[in-house]
Amino acid sequence: MRRRHKKGRPVNGMLLLDKPRGITSNGALQEVKHLFEAAKAGHTGSLDPLATGALPLCFGEATKFSQFLLNADKRYLAKFKLGISTDSGDADGEIIARNAVVGVTASNVQSLLDDFSGEIEQVPSMFSAIKHQGQPLYKLARQGIEVERMPRKVTIYKLELVEFRDDQFVLDIFCSKGTYIRSLAEDLGKRLGCGAHVCELRRLSAGPYDVEDAYTLVQLREIKEKEGLEALEKCLMPVSSAVQDWPAVILPETTAYYLRQGQAIQVAGAPTEGWVRLFAQEGDNKNGFIGVGEIQDDGKVAPRRLLAAG
């Protein structure tokens, strides 16, 4: 049987996309993958079509590290509209209730924020990507099916009221993975007695990446059209940038060889716990990122995700 050859070029690295409104994360990924003519690419956690902002995309070997960005903290700027509840908790859903917004002030909103800060429990929306018996909840919701969802613990590190005007307010939210902004809108709306939904959402950061460093689809198209693929590839960040906040461990060439064979190794001066970035060394120079490891109880560094040799 003949083996299929993958279409596309071997592209490796990270790209931070400023996702536009009105397109799915996968739709944005496929367009960028096509621009780069890449063989392999993936995104690191969906943004709803309504949302804009920081969407890290992984190419080639970088896809091995996408899970670490899926688990990373996120920061959002979210605008909530009072008085209208939708079935999805955001502006893309069907309106299910309208209520008068009477006497709700910035002070009312501010007084509730402490209750939604720190470790809290959220019931995931039926319009989330969580799976029930193999089916994403949002697909069931679109069929009019609702299933019981268990509350999940999430952490909101920062919840700041940025603006309050008429029947809308804006929150700056720094939160852990798995936090549903639409659920936060619904819960705040219930506490305020008038309902609420997300009408605008922008992701400001995802893990180590800040939206100020992101490229738009328009910019990427222009770069390729005017300067070609080589210039487009200069937009990529190193694979190691996905874990750039982790401690670095430099391995002598011989030690790096054994680690690449899957062996845990002892490294002088390494951290005593946690995950680390691993770099090979030739002579006095750091030769390159080879993957990530985890410190074991005996102090050795165990390989966890490694780049393909060469």
C-alpha atoms as a PDB file:
ATOM      1  CA  MET A   1       0.000   0.000   0.000  1.00  0.00           C
ATOM      2  CA  ARG A   2       1.417   3.364  -1.035  1.00  0.00           C
ATOM      3  CA  ARG A   3       2.061   5.870   1.727  1.00  0.00           C
ATOM      4  CA  ARG A   4       0.417   9.239   1.361  1.00  0.00           C
ATOM      5  CA  HIS A   5       2.748  12.196   1.356  1.00  0.00           C
ATOM      6  CA  LYS A   6       1.644  15.213   3.341  1.00  0.00           C
ATOM      7  CA  LYS A   7       0.885  18.254   1.273  1.00  0.00           C
ATOM      8  CA  GLY A   8       2.668  21.424   2.202  1.00  0.00           C
ATOM      9  CA  ARG A   9       6.033  22.651   3.374  1.00  0.00           C
ATOM     10  CA  PRO A  10       7.809  21.682   6.622  1.00  0.00           C
ATOM     11  CA  VAL A  11       7.249  24.880   8.615  1.00  0.00           C
ATOM     12  CA  ASN A  12       8.212  24.987  12.323  1.00  0.00           C
ATOM     13  CA  GLY A  13       7.483  27.750  14.832  1.00  0.00           C
ATOM     14  CA  MET A  14       4.814  29.775  16.608  1.00  0.00           C
ATOM     15  CA  LEU A  15       2.683  32.568  15.175  1.00  0.00           C
ATOM     16  CA  LEU A  16       0.535  34.896  17.264  1.00  0.00           C
ATOM     17  CA  LEU A  17      -2.578  35.790  15.306  1.00  0.00           C
ATOM     18  CA  ASP A  18      -4.915  38.670  16.122  1.00  0.00           C
ATOM     19  CA  LYS A  19      -8.088  36.781  15.239  1.00  0.00           C
ATOM     20  CA  PRO A  20     -10.818  38.929  13.669  1.00  0.00           C
ATOM     21  CA  ARG A  21     -14.456  38.820  14.702  1.00  0.00           C
ATOM     22  CA  GLY A  22     -16.846  36.615  12.761  1.00  0.00           C
ATOM     23  CA  ILE A  23     -14.547  33.694  12.014  1.00  0.00           C
ATOM     24  CA  THR A  24     -13.917  30.481  13.934  1.00  0.00           C
ATOM     25  CA  SER A  25     -10.488  29.693  15.322  1.00  0.00           C
ATOM     26  CA  ASN A  26     -10.212  26.758  12.939  1.00  0.00           C
ATOM     27  CA  GLY A  27     -11.239  28.942  10.004  1.00  0.00           C
ATOM     28  CA  ALA A  28      -8.503  31.419  10.907  1.00  0.00           C
ATOM     29  CA  LEU A  29      -5.983  28.589  11.337  1.00  0.00           C
ATOM     30  CA  GLN A  30      -6.760  27.118   7.913  1.00  0.00           C
ATOM     31  CA  GLU A  31      -6.306  30.488   6.215  1.00  0.00           C
ATOM     32  CA  VAL A  32      -2.940  31.078   7.907  1.00  0.00           C
ATOM     33  CA  LYS A  33      -1.837  27.506   7.187  1.00  0.00           C
ATOM     34  CA  HIS A  34      -2.664  28.089   3.520  1.00  0.00           C
ATOM     35  CA  LEU A  35      -0.703  31.364   3.485  1.00  0.00           C
ATOM     36  CA  PHE A  36       2.364  29.612   4.880  1.00  0.00           C
ATOM     37  CA  GLU A  37       1.751  26.583   2.617  1.00  0.00           C
ATOM     38  CA  ALA A  38       2.464  24.538   5.742  1.00  0.00           C
ATOM     39  CA  ALA A  39       2.115  20.777   6.067  1.00  0.00           C
ATOM     40  CA  LYS A  40       1.087  20.779   9.721  1.00  0.00           C
ATOM     41  CA  ALA A  41      -0.482  23.402  11.984  1.00  0.00           C
ATOM     42  CA  GLY A  42      -2.818  23.703  14.947  1.00  0.00           C
ATOM     43  CA  HIS A  43      -4.272  26.280  17.333  1.00  0.00           C
ATOM     44  CA  THR A  44      -4.022  26.358  21.115  1.00  0.00           C
ATOM     45  CA  GLY A  45      -7.580  26.748  22.342  1.00  0.00           C
ATOM     46  CA  SER A  46     -10.583  28.121  20.544  1.00  0.00           C
ATOM     47  CA  LEU A  47     -11.836  31.678  20.513  1.00  0.00           C
ATOM     48  CA  ASP A  48     -15.533  32.010  19.709  1.00  0.00           C
ATOM     49  CA  PRO A  49     -16.419  33.682  16.383  1.00  0.00           C
ATOM     50  CA  LEU A  50     -17.567  36.716  18.403  1.00  0.00           C
ATOM     51  CA  ALA A  51     -14.128  37.080  20.021  1.00  0.00           C
ATOM     52  CA  THR A  52     -11.021  38.779  18.686  1.00  0.00           C
ATOM     53  CA  GLY A  53      -7.429  38.858  19.814  1.00  0.00           C
ATOM     54  CA  ALA A  54      -4.510  36.639  20.775  1.00  0.00           C
ATOM     55  CA  LEU A  55      -4.669  33.191  19.171  1.00  0.00           C
ATOM     56  CA  PRO A  56      -1.323  31.334  19.225  1.00  0.00           C
ATOM     57  CA  LEU A  57      -0.880  29.030  16.214  1.00  0.00           C
ATOM     58  CA  CYS A  58       1.609  26.146  16.181  1.00  0.00           C
ATOM     59  CA  PHE A  59       3.420  24.939  13.066  1.00  0.00           C
ATOM     60  CA  GLY A  60       5.194  21.611  12.624  1.00  0.00           C
ATOM     61  CA  GLU A  61       7.238  20.620  15.682  1.00  0.00           C
ATOM     62  CA  ALA A  62       5.582  23.382  17.724  1.00  0.00           C
ATOM     63  CA  THR A  63       2.341  21.359  17.773  1.00  0.00           C
ATOM     64  CA  LYS A  64       4.024  19.081  20.335  1.00  0.00           C
ATOM     65  CA  PHE A  65       3.862  21.949  22.832  1.00  0.00           C
ATOM     66  CA  SER A  66       0.313  23.182  22.196  1.00  0.00           C
ATOM     67  CA  GLN A  67      -1.000  21.499  25.357  1.00  0.00           C
ATOM     68  CA  PHE A  68       1.067  23.848  27.512  1.00  0.00           C
ATOM     69  CA  LEU A  69      -0.640  26.868  25.939  1.00  0.00           C
ATOM     70  CA  LEU A  70      -4.046  25.208  26.282  1.00  0.00           C
ATOM     71  CA  ASN A  71      -3.360  25.050  30.020  1.00  0.00           C
ATOM     72  CA  ALA A  72      -2.019  28.607  30.238  1.00  0.00           C
ATOM     73  CA  ASP A  73      -3.669  31.598  31.916  1.00  0.00           C
ATOM     74  CA  LYS A  74      -5.540  34.081  29.725  1.00  0.00           C
ATOM     75  CA  ARG A  75      -6.476  37.767  29.911  1.00  0.00           C
ATOM     76  CA  TYR A  76      -9.584  39.296  28.341  1.00  0.00           C
ATOM     77  CA  LEU A  77     -11.311  42.625  27.903  1.00  0.00           C
ATOM     78  CA  ALA A  78     -15.025  41.815  27.936  1.00  0.00           C
ATOM     79  CA  LYS A  79     -18.023  44.052  27.347  1.00  0.00           C
ATOM     80  CA  PHE A  80     -21.285  42.877  28.919  1.00  0.00           C
ATOM     81  CA  LYS A  81     -24.762  44.132  27.974  1.00  0.00           C
ATOM     82  CA  LEU A  82     -27.396  44.228  30.690  1.00  0.00           C
ATOM     83  CA  GLY A  83     -31.107  43.512  30.287  1.00  0.00           C
ATOM     84  CA  ILE A  84     -30.820  40.912  27.522  1.00  0.00           C
ATOM     85  CA  SER A  85     -30.156  37.193  28.034  1.00  0.00           C
ATOM     86  CA  THR A  86     -29.312  34.870  25.137  1.00  0.00           C
ATOM     87  CA  ASP A  87     -29.265  31.100  24.896  1.00  0.00           C
ATOM     88  CA  SER A  88     -25.498  31.105  24.264  1.00  0.00           C
ATOM     89  CA  GLY A  89     -24.598  33.840  26.752  1.00  0.00           C
ATOM     90  CA  ASP A  90     -23.199  36.040  23.979  1.00  0.00           C
ATOM     91  CA  ALA A  91     -24.381  38.300  21.165  1.00  0.00           C
ATOM     92  CA  ASP A  92     -24.346  35.467  18.618  1.00  0.00           C
ATOM     93  CA  GLY A  93     -27.124  33.606  20.438  1.00  0.00           C
ATOM     94  CA  GLU A  94     -30.906  33.856  20.306  1.00  0.00           C
ATOM     95  CA  ILE A  95     -32.538  36.268  22.744  1.00  0.00           C
ATOM     96  CA  ILE A  96     -34.423  34.336  25.425  1.00  0.00           C
ATOM     97  CA  ALA A  97     -35.310  37.148  27.843  1.00  0.00           C
ATOM     98  CA  ARG A  98     -35.500  40.934  28.046  1.00  0.00           C
ATOM     99  CA  ASN A  99     -35.618  42.810  31.341  1.00  0.00           C
ATOM    100  CA  ALA A 100     -35.648  46.476  32.272  1.00  0.00           C
ATOM    101  CA  VAL A 101     -32.325  47.758  33.600  1.00  0.00           C
ATOM    102  CA  VAL A 102     -33.456  49.894  36.515  1.00  0.00           C
ATOM    103  CA  GLY A 103     -31.176  51.258  39.199  1.00  0.00           C
ATOM    104  CA  VAL A 104     -28.100  49.251  38.214  1.00  0.00           C
ATOM    105  CA  THR A 105     -24.977  51.331  38.743  1.00  0.00           C
ATOM    106  CA  ALA A 106     -21.228  50.928  38.530  1.00  0.00           C
ATOM    107  CA  SER A 107     -21.231  50.560  42.326  1.00  0.00           C
ATOM    108  CA  ASN A 108     -23.651  47.625  42.061  1.00  0.00           C
ATOM    109  CA  VAL A 109     -21.322  45.861  39.624  1.00  0.00           C
ATOM    110  CA  GLN A 110     -18.220  46.715  41.646  1.00  0.00           C
ATOM    111  CA  SER A 111     -19.774  45.290  44.814  1.00  0.00           C
ATOM    112  CA  LEU A 112     -20.147  41.866  43.156  1.00  0.00           C
ATOM    113  CA  LEU A 113     -16.654  41.490  41.733  1.00  0.00           C
ATOM    114  CA  ASP A 114     -15.084  40.104  44.903  1.00  0.00           C
ATOM    115  CA  ASP A 115     -17.627  37.269  44.861  1.00  0.00           C
ATOM    116  CA  PHE A 116     -16.378  36.246  41.425  1.00  0.00           C
ATOM    117  CA  SER A 117     -12.664  36.608  42.147  1.00  0.00           C
ATOM    118  CA  GLY A 118     -10.226  33.926  43.295  1.00  0.00           C
ATOM    119  CA  GLU A 119     -11.177  30.261  43.022  1.00  0.00           C
ATOM    120  CA  ILE A 120     -14.813  29.933  41.990  1.00  0.00           C
ATOM    121  CA  GLU A 121     -17.108  27.303  40.499  1.00  0.00           C
ATOM    122  CA  GLN A 122     -18.668  27.718  37.062  1.00  0.00           C
ATOM    123  CA  VAL A 123     -21.231  25.615  35.253  1.00  0.00           C
ATOM    124  CA  PRO A 124     -19.973  25.371  31.642  1.00  0.00           C
ATOM    125  CA  SER A 125     -22.249  26.803  28.978  1.00  0.00           C
ATOM    126  CA  MET A 126     -24.133  24.450  26.681  1.00  0.00           C
ATOM    127  CA  PHE A 127     -22.398  26.382  23.899  1.00  0.00           C
ATOM    128  CA  SER A 128     -18.910  25.353  25.060  1.00  0.00           C
ATOM    129  CA  ALA A 129     -16.634  22.861  23.308  1.00  0.00           C
ATOM    130  CA  ILE A 130     -16.690  20.427  26.246  1.00  0.00           C
ATOM    131  CA  LYS A 131     -17.698  16.968  25.042  1.00  0.00           C
ATOM    132  CA  HIS A 132     -20.594  14.842  26.271  1.00  0.00           C
ATOM    133  CA  GLN A 133     -20.443  11.233  25.085  1.00  0.00           C
ATOM    134  CA  GLY A 134     -18.087  12.283  22.303  1.00  0.00           C
ATOM    135  CA  GLN A 135     -20.185  15.231  21.101  1.00  0.00           C
ATOM    136  CA  PRO A 136     -19.252  18.889  21.733  1.00  0.00           C
ATOM    137  CA  LEU A 137     -21.912  20.555  23.862  1.00  0.00           C
ATOM    138  CA  TYR A 138     -22.431  23.350  21.333  1.00  0.00           C
ATOM    139  CA  LYS A 139     -23.514  20.800  18.708  1.00  0.00           C
ATOM    140  CA  LEU A 140     -26.081  19.374  21.110  1.00  0.00           C
ATOM    141  CA  ALA A 141     -27.263  22.889  21.995  1.00  0.00           C
ATOM    142  CA  ARG A 142     -27.869  23.673  18.328  1.00  0.00           C
ATOM    143  CA  GLN A 143     -30.106  20.581  18.195  1.00  0.00           C
ATOM    144  CA  GLY A 144     -32.092  21.879  21.152  1.00  0.00           C
ATOM    145  CA  ILE A 145     -30.597  19.271  23.490  1.00  0.00           C
ATOM    146  CA  GLU A 146     -29.510  20.265  26.994  1.00  0.00           C
ATOM    147  CA  VAL A 147     -27.534  17.963  29.290  1.00  0.00           C
ATOM    148  CA  GLU A 148     -26.521  18.311  32.924  1.00  0.00           C
ATOM    149  CA  ARG A 149     -23.111  19.913  33.420  1.00  0.00           C
ATOM    150  CA  MET A 150     -21.120  19.624  36.616  1.00  0.00           C
ATOM    151  CA  PRO A 151     -19.587  22.800  38.086  1.00  0.00           C
ATOM    152  CA  ARG A 152     -15.872  23.233  37.472  1.00  0.00           C
ATOM    153  CA  LYS A 153     -13.335  25.076  39.576  1.00  0.00           C
ATOM    154  CA  VAL A 154     -11.535  27.963  37.870  1.00  0.00           C
ATOM    155  CA  THR A 155      -9.471  30.844  39.188  1.00  0.00           C
ATOM    156  CA  ILE A 156      -9.999  34.509  38.388  1.00  0.00           C
ATOM    157  CA  TYR A 157      -6.847  36.346  39.449  1.00  0.00           C
ATOM    158  CA  LYS A 158      -8.034  39.813  38.465  1.00  0.00           C
ATOM    159  CA  LEU A 159     -11.504  41.225  37.829  1.00  0.00           C
ATOM    160  CA  GLU A 160     -11.504  44.965  37.302  1.00  0.00           C
ATOM    161  CA  LEU A 161     -14.336  47.266  36.236  1.00  0.00           C
ATOM    162  CA  VAL A 162     -12.930  49.425  33.430  1.00  0.00           C
ATOM    163  CA  GLU A 163     -16.046  51.228  32.230  1.00  0.00           C
ATOM    164  CA  PHE A 164     -19.761  51.495  33.016  1.00  0.00           C
ATOM    165  CA  ARG A 165     -22.085  53.311  30.643  1.00  0.00           C
ATOM    166  CA  ASP A 166     -25.883  53.059  30.416  1.00  0.00           C
ATOM    167  CA  ASP A 167     -26.667  49.342  30.104  1.00  0.00           C
ATOM    168  CA  GLN A 168     -23.140  48.144  29.352  1.00  0.00           C
ATOM    169  CA  PHE A 169     -19.945  47.635  31.324  1.00  0.00           C
ATOM    170  CA  VAL A 170     -16.413  46.460  30.555  1.00  0.00           C
ATOM    171  CA  LEU A 171     -14.287  44.124  32.691  1.00  0.00           C
ATOM    172  CA  ASP A 172     -10.565  43.412  32.543  1.00  0.00           C
ATOM    173  CA  ILE A 173     -10.308  39.693  33.376  1.00  0.00           C
ATOM    174  CA  PHE A 174      -7.154  37.668  34.102  1.00  0.00           C
ATOM    175  CA  CYS A 175      -8.079  34.029  34.613  1.00  0.00           C
ATOM    176  CA  SER A 176      -7.035  30.401  34.568  1.00  0.00           C
ATOM    177  CA  LYS A 177      -7.664  27.913  31.791  1.00  0.00           C
ATOM    178  CA  GLY A 178     -11.248  26.742  31.471  1.00  0.00           C
ATOM    179  CA  THR A 179     -12.837  30.034  32.560  1.00  0.00           C
ATOM    180  CA  TYR A 180     -15.989  30.796  30.581  1.00  0.00           C
ATOM    181  CA  ILE A 181     -16.555  34.512  30.118  1.00  0.00           C
ATOM    182  CA  ARG A 182     -20.104  33.909  28.885  1.00  0.00           C
ATOM    183  CA  SER A 183     -20.863  32.037  32.136  1.00  0.00           C
ATOM    184  CA  LEU A 184     -19.451  34.972  34.093  1.00  0.00           C
ATOM    185  CA  ALA A 185     -21.764  37.324  32.166  1.00  0.00           C
ATOM    186  CA  GLU A 186     -24.789  35.136  32.881  1.00  0.00           C
ATOM    187  CA  ASP A 187     -23.944  34.796  36.582  1.00  0.00           C
ATOM    188  CA  LEU A 188     -23.380  38.542  37.016  1.00  0.00           C
ATOM    189  CA  GLY A 189     -26.613  39.269  35.137  1.00  0.00           C
ATOM    190  CA  LYS A 190     -28.554  37.011  37.499  1.00  0.00           C
ATOM    191  CA  ARG A 191     -27.049  38.673  40.568  1.00  0.00           C
ATOM    192  CA  LEU A 192     -27.905  42.119  39.164  1.00  0.00           C
ATOM    193  CA  GLY A 193     -31.478  40.949  38.542  1.00  0.00           C
ATOM    194  CA  CYS A 194     -31.735  41.887  34.893  1.00  0.00           C
ATOM    195  CA  GLY A 195     -29.696  39.320  32.940  1.00  0.00           C
ATOM    196  CA  ALA A 196     -26.631  39.978  30.782  1.00  0.00           C
ATOM    197  CA  HIS A 197     -24.623  38.623  27.891  1.00  0.00           C
ATOM    198  CA  VAL A 198     -21.204  39.141  26.302  1.00  0.00           C
ATOM    199  CA  CYS A 199     -21.466  41.621  23.439  1.00  0.00           C
ATOM    200  CA  GLU A 200     -17.724  42.082  22.785  1.00  0.00           C
ATOM    201  CA  LEU A 201     -14.722  39.988  23.798  1.00  0.00           C
ATOM    202  CA  ARG A 202     -11.037  40.516  23.120  1.00  0.00           C
ATOM    203  CA  ARG A 203      -8.279  38.213  24.324  1.00  0.00           C
ATOM    204  CA  LEU A 204      -5.345  40.372  25.397  1.00  0.00           C
ATOM    205  CA  SER A 205      -2.942  37.567  26.253  1.00  0.00           C
ATOM    206  CA  ALA A 206      -2.548  33.802  26.177  1.00  0.00           C
ATOM    207  CA  GLY A 207       0.246  32.365  28.302  1.00  0.00           C
ATOM    208  CA  PRO A 208       3.457  34.239  27.441  1.00  0.00           C
ATOM    209  CA  TYR A 209       1.980  35.933  24.352  1.00  0.00           C
ATOM    210  CA  ASP A 210       0.572  39.470  24.269  1.00  0.00           C
ATOM    211  CA  VAL A 211      -1.840  40.639  21.568  1.00  0.00           C
ATOM    212  CA  GLU A 212       0.325  43.716  20.939  1.00  0.00           C
ATOM    213  CA  ASP A 213       2.798  41.361  19.246  1.00  0.00           C
ATOM    214  CA  ALA A 214       0.159  39.676  17.072  1.00  0.00           C
ATOM    215  CA  TYR A 215      -0.290  39.819  13.286  1.00  0.00           C
ATOM    216  CA  THR A 216      -3.675  40.287  11.645  1.00  0.00           C
ATOM    217  CA  LEU A 217      -4.799  38.237   8.651  1.00  0.00           C
ATOM    218  CA  VAL A 218      -4.632  41.392   6.545  1.00  0.00           C
ATOM    219  CA  GLN A 219      -1.000  41.991   7.540  1.00  0.00           C
ATOM    220  CA  LEU A 220      -0.018  38.399   6.791  1.00  0.00           C
ATOM    221  CA  ARG A 221      -1.665  38.497   3.357  1.00  0.00           C
ATOM    222  CA  GLU A 222       0.107  41.757   2.514  1.00  0.00           C
ATOM    223  CA  ILE A 223       3.503  40.440   3.621  1.00  0.00           C
ATOM    224  CA  LYS A 224       3.176  37.359   1.443  1.00  0.00           C
ATOM    225  CA  GLU A 225       1.833  39.304  -1.548  1.00  0.00           C
ATOM    226  CA  LYS A 226       4.514  42.010  -1.425  1.00  0.00           C
ATOM    227  CA  GLU A 227       7.548  40.162  -0.040  1.00  0.00           C
ATOM    228  CA  GLY A 228       6.917  36.433  -0.433  1.00  0.00           C
ATOM    229  CA  LEU A 229       7.141  33.335   1.746  1.00  0.00           C
ATOM    230  CA  GLU A 230      10.606  34.050   3.107  1.00  0.00           C
ATOM    231  CA  ALA A 231       9.433  37.337   4.610  1.00  0.00           C
ATOM    232  CA  LEU A 232       6.284  35.652   5.936  1.00  0.00           C
ATOM    233  CA  GLU A 233       8.370  33.095   7.822  1.00  0.00           C
ATOM    234  CA  LYS A 234      10.116  35.939   9.667  1.00  0.00           C
ATOM    235  CA  CYS A 235       6.794  36.469  11.464  1.00  0.00           C
ATOM    236  CA  LEU A 236       7.260  33.140  13.217  1.00  0.00           C
ATOM    237  CA  MET A 237       8.584  32.893  16.750  1.00  0.00           C
ATOM    238  CA  PRO A 238      10.805  30.004  17.902  1.00  0.00           C
ATOM    239  CA  VAL A 239       9.147  26.797  19.065  1.00  0.00           C
ATOM    240  CA  SER A 240      10.666  27.450  22.517  1.00  0.00           C
ATOM    241  CA  SER A 241       8.646  30.675  22.870  1.00  0.00           C
ATOM    242  CA  ALA A 242       5.632  28.531  23.844  1.00  0.00           C
ATOM    243  CA  VAL A 243       7.373  27.831  27.168  1.00  0.00           C
ATOM    244  CA  GLN A 244       9.558  30.931  27.380  1.00  0.00           C
ATOM    245  CA  ASP A 245       8.560  31.597  31.001  1.00  0.00           C
ATOM    246  CA  TRP A 246       9.961  28.257  32.184  1.00  0.00           C
ATOM    247  CA  PRO A 247      13.475  27.882  33.665  1.00  0.00           C
ATOM    248  CA  ALA A 248      16.151  26.911  31.134  1.00  0.00           C
ATOM    249  CA  VAL A 249      18.504  23.959  31.606  1.00  0.00           C
ATOM    250  CA  ILE A 250      21.626  23.797  29.423  1.00  0.00           C
ATOM    251  CA  LEU A 251      22.817  20.258  28.683  1.00  0.00           C
ATOM    252  CA  PRO A 252      26.348  19.236  27.695  1.00  0.00           C
ATOM    253  CA  GLU A 253      26.389  17.420  24.356  1.00  0.00           C
ATOM    254  CA  THR A 254      26.855  13.936  25.866  1.00  0.00           C
ATOM    255  CA  THR A 255      24.099  14.473  28.444  1.00  0.00           C
ATOM    256  CA  ALA A 256      21.760  15.765  25.740  1.00  0.00           C
ATOM    257  CA  TYR A 257      22.410  12.580  23.748  1.00  0.00           C
ATOM    258  CA  TYR A 258      21.232  10.327  26.601  1.00  0.00           C
ATOM    259  CA  LEU A 259      18.198  12.510  27.275  1.00  0.00           C
ATOM    260  CA  ARG A 260      17.231  12.233  23.600  1.00  0.00           C
ATOM    261  CA  GLN A 261      17.279   8.447  24.071  1.00  0.00           C
ATOM    262  CA  GLY A 262      14.558   8.867  26.701  1.00  0.00           C
ATOM    263  CA  GLN A 263      16.784   8.626  29.788  1.00  0.00           C
ATOM    264  CA  ALA A 264      16.370  10.831  32.855  1.00  0.00           C
ATOM    265  CA  ILE A 265      19.634  12.646  33.525  1.00  0.00           C
ATOM    266  CA  GLN A 266      21.299  14.516  36.381  1.00  0.00           C
ATOM    267  CA  VAL A 267      22.162  18.157  35.648  1.00  0.00           C
ATOM    268  CA  ALA A 268      24.129  20.295  38.060  1.00  0.00           C
ATOM    269  CA  GLY A 269      22.366  23.518  38.967  1.00  0.00           C
ATOM    270  CA  ALA A 270      18.978  22.443  37.604  1.00  0.00           C
ATOM    271  CA  PRO A 271      15.788  23.499  39.459  1.00  0.00           C
ATOM    272  CA  THR A 272      14.609  21.114  42.176  1.00  0.00           C
ATOM    273  CA  GLU A 273      11.052  20.769  40.884  1.00  0.00           C
ATOM    274  CA  GLY A 274       8.680  21.607  38.040  1.00  0.00           C
ATOM    275  CA  TRP A 275       8.990  21.776  34.260  1.00  0.00           C
ATOM    276  CA  VAL A 276      12.012  23.140  32.404  1.00  0.00           C
ATOM    277  CA  ARG A 277      13.130  24.109  28.911  1.00  0.00           C
ATOM    278  CA  LEU A 278      15.999  22.005  27.600  1.00  0.00           C
ATOM    279  CA  PHE A 279      18.827  23.328  25.444  1.00  0.00           C
ATOM    280  CA  ALA A 280      21.797  21.442  24.005  1.00  0.00           C
ATOM    281  CA  GLN A 281      25.280  22.924  24.286  1.00  0.00           C
ATOM    282  CA  GLU A 282      28.366  22.654  22.116  1.00  0.00           C
ATOM    283  CA  GLY A 283      31.503  24.020  23.719  1.00  0.00           C
ATOM    284  CA  ASP A 284      30.627  27.323  25.394  1.00  0.00           C
ATOM    285  CA  ASN A 285      27.581  28.007  23.192  1.00  0.00           C
ATOM    286  CA  LYS A 286      23.938  27.104  23.610  1.00  0.00           C
ATOM    287  CA  ASN A 287      23.186  25.136  20.449  1.00  0.00           C
ATOM    288  CA  GLY A 288      19.403  25.045  20.449  1.00  0.00           C
ATOM    289  CA  PHE A 289      16.111  24.128  22.029  1.00  0.00           C
ATOM    290  CA  ILE A 290      15.559  20.366  22.156  1.00  0.00           C
ATOM    291  CA  GLY A 291      12.332  20.141  24.171  1.00  0.00           C
ATOM    292  CA  VAL A 292      10.928  20.197  27.687  1.00  0.00           C
ATOM    293  CA  GLY A 293      11.470  18.043  30.736  1.00  0.00           C
ATOM    294  CA  GLU A 294      10.222  17.597  34.278  1.00  0.00           C
ATOM    295  CA  ILE A 295      12.243  17.369  37.473  1.00  0.00           C
ATOM    296  CA  GLN A 296      11.683  14.020  39.182  1.00  0.00           C
ATOM    297  CA  ASP A 297      11.664  13.348  42.933  1.00  0.00           C
ATOM    298  CA  ASP A 298      15.278  12.143  42.723  1.00  0.00           C
ATOM    299  CA  GLY A 299      16.342  15.467  41.153  1.00  0.00           C
ATOM    300  CA  LYS A 300      16.912  14.071  37.677  1.00  0.00           C
ATOM    301  CA  VAL A 301      15.509  15.739  34.554  1.00  0.00           C
ATOM    302  CA  ALA A 302      13.120  13.437  32.701  1.00  0.00           C
ATOM    303  CA  PRO A 303      12.313  14.154  29.025  1.00  0.00           C
ATOM    304  CA  ARG A 304       8.634  14.871  28.368  1.00  0.00           C
ATOM    305  CA  ARG A 305       8.345  16.475  24.891  1.00  0.00           C
ATOM    306  CA  LEU A 306      11.333  16.554  22.538  1.00  0.00           C
ATOM    307  CA  LEU A 307      11.845  17.970  19.077  1.00  0.00           C
ATOM    308  CA  ALA A 308      12.581  15.488  16.324  1.00  0.00           C
ATOM    309  CA  ALA A 309      16.336  14.980  15.923  1.00  0.00           C
ATOM    310  CA  GLY A 310      17.742  17.251  13.214  1.00  0.00           C
END
